[in-house]
């Protein structure tokens, strides 16, 4: 089996919505790389699996993801040096996903690359300028404004003045 090199592991640990960004960063030498840190990283090329454990932090120009553990399932051929495409990412323990003015927290998150779907479970909360939503399960699609919230849902909508103030300060409303 041909080893892919250390840069492949960066491709294994792509955050939600970062596959194309990381490919262009690695191929075209973009100014802002995707940076992945963890206490332990393990790659199983035979089974197309990457595991990151302990203070996992993925910083991409479009998104930041934190978790205690992240498992990346990818597809690709072991006899090429091409980037392997991410199929699914599972993050566990203290998951925090930050993108633009939105922040999502949960104990478990699963990303499916084929449709850009992110499913948050384990006390999920999604906060943005407009308000906060929580439930038993929150599902959103990374490239759309579509979201579903299941069971025991709660939505808090911030007053217009509070939204305007937080927009001016560059922060999310409380």
Protein backbone atom coordinates (compact mmCIF):
# COMPACT_ATOMS: atom_id res chain seq x y z
CA UNK A 1 0.00 0.00 0.00
CA UNK A 2 1.33 3.42 -0.94
CA UNK A 3 1.42 5.94 1.92
CA UNK A 4 -0.20 9.26 1.12
CA UNK A 5 1.91 11.58 3.28
CA UNK A 6 1.08 13.84 6.25
CA UNK A 7 -0.99 16.23 4.15
CA UNK A 8 -3.54 13.49 3.53
CA UNK A 9 -4.42 13.48 7.19
CA UNK A 10 -5.52 17.08 6.85
CA UNK A 11 -7.90 15.94 4.14
CA UNK A 12 -9.20 13.21 6.44
CA UNK A 13 -10.10 15.68 9.15
CA UNK A 14 -12.00 18.22 7.11
CA UNK A 15 -14.67 20.11 8.98
CA UNK A 16 -18.24 20.55 7.94
CA UNK A 17 -18.32 22.14 4.50
CA UNK A 18 -14.57 22.33 3.99
CA UNK A 19 -13.77 19.63 1.40
CA UNK A 20 -13.55 21.97 -1.59
CA UNK A 21 -11.75 24.67 0.39
CA UNK A 22 -9.09 22.25 1.61
CA UNK A 23 -8.63 20.75 -1.86
CA UNK A 24 -8.07 24.19 -3.33
CA UNK A 25 -5.77 25.10 -0.41
CA UNK A 26 -3.61 22.02 -0.93
CA UNK A 27 -3.63 22.10 -4.71
CA UNK A 28 -3.52 25.81 -5.45
CA UNK A 29 -1.48 26.97 -2.44
CA UNK A 30 -4.18 29.22 -0.99
CA UNK A 31 -3.14 31.71 1.69
CA UNK A 32 -5.38 30.24 4.40
CA UNK A 33 -4.86 26.52 5.03
CA UNK A 34 -7.09 24.20 7.01
CA UNK A 35 -5.30 23.50 10.29
CA UNK A 36 -6.10 20.41 12.35
CA UNK A 37 -4.78 19.85 15.88
CA UNK A 38 -5.41 17.03 18.34
CA UNK A 39 -3.57 15.18 21.06
CA UNK A 40 -3.66 11.99 18.95
CA UNK A 41 -4.20 11.36 15.24
CA UNK A 42 -4.51 7.96 13.64
CA UNK A 43 -5.10 7.04 9.99
CA UNK A 44 -6.29 3.64 8.77
CA UNK A 45 -5.71 3.81 5.03
CA UNK A 46 -6.92 0.26 4.44
CA UNK A 47 -10.34 1.01 5.94
CA UNK A 48 -10.56 4.67 4.79
CA UNK A 49 -10.82 5.94 8.34
CA UNK A 50 -9.17 8.76 10.28
CA UNK A 51 -9.47 9.28 14.04
CA UNK A 52 -8.57 12.40 16.01
CA UNK A 53 -8.76 12.38 19.80
CA UNK A 54 -8.19 14.86 22.60
CA UNK A 55 -8.87 18.57 22.19
CA UNK A 56 -9.64 18.27 18.49
CA UNK A 57 -9.66 21.63 16.75
CA UNK A 58 -10.23 22.12 13.03
CA UNK A 59 -9.83 25.67 11.76
CA UNK A 60 -10.77 26.40 8.17
CA UNK A 61 -11.31 29.81 6.56
CA UNK A 62 -15.08 29.14 6.54
CA UNK A 63 -15.66 27.18 9.75
CA UNK A 64 -14.18 26.11 13.09
CA UNK A 65 -15.02 22.80 14.77
CA UNK A 66 -14.06 21.63 18.28
CA UNK A 67 -14.69 18.20 19.80
CA UNK A 68 -13.20 15.65 22.14
CA UNK A 69 -13.08 13.08 19.33
CA UNK A 70 -13.63 13.14 15.59
CA UNK A 71 -13.86 10.16 13.26
CA UNK A 72 -13.63 10.78 9.53
CA UNK A 73 -14.92 8.22 7.02
CA UNK A 74 -13.59 8.80 3.52
CA UNK A 75 -13.53 7.17 0.11
CA UNK A 76 -10.67 6.88 -2.30
CA UNK A 77 -8.14 4.60 -3.78
CA UNK A 78 -5.06 3.61 -1.82
CA UNK A 79 -2.90 3.47 -4.97
CA UNK A 80 -3.13 7.19 -5.80
CA UNK A 81 -1.83 10.36 -4.27
CA UNK A 82 -5.13 12.16 -4.86
CA UNK A 83 -7.08 13.52 -1.92
CA UNK A 84 -9.63 11.09 -0.60
CA UNK A 85 -13.13 12.51 -0.46
CA UNK A 86 -14.85 12.79 2.88
CA UNK A 87 -18.07 10.77 3.10
CA UNK A 88 -19.03 11.32 6.72
CA UNK A 89 -17.63 12.91 9.89
CA UNK A 90 -18.72 12.03 13.42
CA UNK A 91 -17.73 14.38 16.26
CA UNK A 92 -18.27 13.47 19.90
CA UNK A 93 -17.97 15.24 23.24
CA UNK A 94 -18.21 18.98 23.71
CA UNK A 95 -18.88 19.68 20.04
CA UNK A 96 -18.74 23.36 19.05
CA UNK A 97 -19.24 24.44 15.44
CA UNK A 98 -18.70 28.11 14.62
CA UNK A 99 -19.45 29.59 11.21
CA UNK A 100 -19.79 33.30 10.50
CA UNK A 101 -22.29 34.62 13.07
CA UNK A 102 -23.62 31.19 14.08
CA UNK A 103 -22.57 28.86 16.86
CA UNK A 104 -23.81 25.32 17.41
CA UNK A 105 -23.10 23.20 20.48
CA UNK A 106 -23.96 19.56 21.22
CA UNK A 107 -22.51 16.34 22.54
CA UNK A 108 -22.69 14.58 19.17
CA UNK A 109 -22.59 15.83 15.59
CA UNK A 110 -22.68 13.93 12.34
CA UNK A 111 -21.95 15.39 8.92
CA UNK A 112 -22.92 13.64 5.67
CA UNK A 113 -21.02 15.01 2.67
CA UNK A 114 -23.41 13.88 -0.08
CA UNK A 115 -26.09 16.38 0.93
CA UNK A 116 -24.20 18.66 3.36
CA UNK A 117 -26.44 17.56 6.22
CA UNK A 118 -25.37 18.13 9.84
CA UNK A 119 -27.26 16.37 12.64
CA UNK A 120 -26.73 17.56 16.22
CA UNK A 121 -27.86 15.49 19.22
CA UNK A 122 -27.10 15.54 22.92
CA UNK A 123 -28.55 18.85 24.15
CA UNK A 124 -28.02 20.72 20.86
CA UNK A 125 -28.28 24.51 20.77
CA UNK A 126 -27.93 26.71 17.71
CA UNK A 127 -27.36 30.43 18.31
CA UNK A 128 -27.23 33.24 15.79
CA UNK A 129 -27.95 36.93 15.54
CA UNK A 130 -31.66 36.29 15.15
CA UNK A 131 -32.07 34.04 18.17
CA UNK A 132 -31.45 30.65 19.76
CA UNK A 133 -33.04 27.31 19.04
CA UNK A 134 -32.73 24.08 21.01
CA UNK A 135 -34.31 20.65 20.94
CA UNK A 136 -33.53 16.98 21.17
CA UNK A 137 -32.22 16.89 17.60
CA UNK A 138 -31.26 19.74 15.27
CA UNK A 139 -30.62 19.06 11.60
CA UNK A 140 -29.34 21.67 9.18
CA UNK A 141 -27.89 21.71 5.70
CA UNK A 142 -24.64 23.61 5.31
CA UNK A 143 -25.36 25.21 1.92
CA UNK A 144 -28.96 26.23 2.56
CA UNK A 145 -30.94 28.09 5.15
CA UNK A 146 -32.93 24.95 5.93
CA UNK A 147 -33.16 23.58 9.47
CA UNK A 148 -35.31 21.06 11.33
CA UNK A 149 -35.69 20.87 15.11
CA UNK A 150 -37.25 17.84 16.78
CA UNK A 151 -38.80 17.08 20.16
CA UNK A 152 -38.94 19.57 23.00
CA UNK A 153 -38.08 22.41 20.65
CA UNK A 154 -37.56 25.92 21.98
CA UNK A 155 -37.00 29.08 19.96
CA UNK A 156 -35.96 32.43 21.44
CA UNK A 157 -36.16 35.38 19.04
CA UNK A 158 -34.17 38.43 20.05
CA UNK A 159 -35.71 41.92 19.81
CA UNK A 160 -34.67 43.95 16.76
CA UNK A 161 -32.67 46.43 18.85
CA UNK A 162 -30.66 43.62 20.46
CA UNK A 163 -29.97 42.04 17.04
CA UNK A 164 -28.85 45.36 15.60
CA UNK A 165 -26.54 46.04 18.57
CA UNK A 166 -24.89 42.61 18.36
CA UNK A 167 -24.45 43.05 14.57
CA UNK A 168 -22.67 46.36 15.18
CA UNK A 169 -20.44 44.78 17.81
CA UNK A 170 -19.76 41.74 15.64
CA UNK A 171 -21.12 39.30 18.21
CA UNK A 172 -24.13 37.02 18.54
CA UNK A 173 -27.00 38.14 20.70
CA UNK A 174 -26.94 36.50 24.16
